[in-house]
Amino acid sequence: MNATSTFDAGNETTELAEYTKPHPASYEAQVGVAVFIVILGLWSTFGNILTILAIRMYKEMQKKSNLFILSLAISDLISGMIASPLWLYRR
């Protein structure tokens, strides 16, 4: 999609061509990557929720080392819920 615009720079009139660069991958490849990212995100979310529930439900798992894993699972869950959809949207 090409669009040209002109502006006057002193005595010269200059044309600017503005265009969006087409994506190098085919439509089918883009859909395949998007589906893969969605499946990976859902799998990651499911795994993080299971980790959080396991540590919260069982008292014997609530040790300092497992609390570190809990905080990593929570941050990964939040990151996956925010960053992955935004990356997929921009793609």
Protein backbone atom coordinates (compact mmCIF):
# COMPACT_ATOMS: atom_id res chain seq x y z
CA MET A 1 0.00 0.00 0.00
CA ASN A 2 1.73 3.15 -1.20
CA ALA A 3 0.64 6.62 -0.27
CA THR A 4 2.49 9.74 -1.26
CA SER A 5 2.39 13.07 0.47
CA THR A 6 4.05 16.32 -0.44
CA PHE A 7 5.45 19.13 1.63
CA ASP A 8 7.07 22.41 0.75
CA ALA A 9 10.64 22.81 2.03
CA GLY A 10 11.52 26.34 1.02
CA ASN A 11 11.56 26.50 -2.76
CA GLU A 12 11.44 22.72 -3.25
CA THR A 13 8.43 20.45 -3.14
CA THR A 14 9.36 16.98 -1.91
CA GLU A 15 7.30 13.80 -2.15
CA LEU A 16 7.43 11.23 0.63
CA ALA A 17 6.42 7.66 -0.02
CA GLU A 18 4.92 6.04 3.04
CA TYR A 19 4.28 2.34 2.92
CA THR A 20 4.00 -0.58 5.22
CA LYS A 21 6.48 -3.32 4.64
CA PRO A 22 4.80 -6.67 3.94
CA HIS A 23 5.56 -9.48 6.38
CA PRO A 24 8.07 -11.96 4.90
CA ALA A 25 6.13 -15.04 6.07
CA SER A 26 3.00 -16.32 4.37
CA TYR A 27 -0.41 -15.99 5.96
CA GLU A 28 -0.52 -19.72 6.77
CA ALA A 29 2.86 -19.52 8.52
CA GLN A 30 1.72 -16.53 10.57
CA VAL A 31 -1.44 -18.38 11.63
CA GLY A 32 0.65 -21.44 12.52
CA VAL A 33 2.98 -19.37 14.71
CA ALA A 34 0.01 -17.64 16.37
CA VAL A 35 -1.68 -20.97 17.16
CA PHE A 36 1.59 -22.34 18.55
CA ILE A 37 2.06 -19.27 20.77
CA VAL A 38 -1.53 -19.53 22.05
CA ILE A 39 -1.13 -23.24 22.88
CA LEU A 40 2.21 -22.58 24.57
CA GLY A 41 0.70 -19.72 26.58
CA LEU A 42 -2.25 -21.83 27.72
CA TRP A 43 0.07 -24.69 28.69
CA SER A 44 2.32 -22.31 30.62
CA THR A 45 -0.65 -20.74 32.39
CA PHE A 46 -2.01 -24.16 33.34
CA GLY A 47 1.39 -25.26 34.70
CA ASN A 48 1.87 -22.09 36.73
CA ILE A 49 -1.62 -22.34 38.22
CA LEU A 50 -0.94 -25.97 39.20
CA THR A 51 2.35 -24.94 40.84
CA ILE A 52 0.67 -22.13 42.78
CA LEU A 53 -2.17 -24.39 43.93
CA ALA A 54 0.16 -27.20 44.97
CA ILE A 55 2.29 -24.94 47.14
CA ARG A 56 -0.72 -23.16 48.63
CA MET A 57 -2.71 -26.33 49.43
CA TYR A 58 -0.02 -28.50 51.03
CA LYS A 59 1.57 -27.19 54.23
CA GLU A 60 4.65 -29.42 53.87
CA MET A 61 5.48 -27.63 50.60
CA GLN A 62 5.45 -24.19 52.18
CA LYS A 63 9.19 -23.90 52.79
CA LYS A 64 11.51 -21.05 51.91
CA SER A 65 12.83 -22.74 48.78
CA ASN A 66 9.31 -23.48 47.55
CA LEU A 67 8.18 -19.93 48.32
CA PHE A 68 10.84 -18.79 45.87
CA ILE A 69 9.35 -21.15 43.27
CA LEU A 70 5.89 -19.80 44.15
CA SER A 71 7.01 -16.23 43.51
CA LEU A 72 8.54 -17.28 40.18
CA ALA A 73 5.31 -19.03 39.18
CA ILE A 74 3.26 -15.95 40.08
CA SER A 75 5.54 -13.60 38.15
CA ASP A 76 5.62 -15.97 35.18
CA LEU A 77 1.83 -16.20 35.24
CA ILE A 78 1.43 -12.41 35.28
CA SER A 79 4.07 -11.98 32.60
CA GLY A 80 2.45 -14.62 30.40
CA MET A 81 -0.97 -13.06 30.82
CA ILE A 82 0.27 -9.59 29.84
CA ALA A 83 3.33 -9.92 27.61
CA SER A 84 2.33 -12.85 25.39
CA PRO A 85 -1.04 -11.47 24.27
CA LEU A 86 0.50 -8.06 23.59
CA TRP A 87 3.31 -9.63 21.56
CA LEU A 88 0.80 -11.69 19.62
CA TYR A 89 -1.37 -8.60 19.02
CA ARG A 90 1.57 -6.62 17.64
CA ARG A 91 2.54 -9.48 15.37
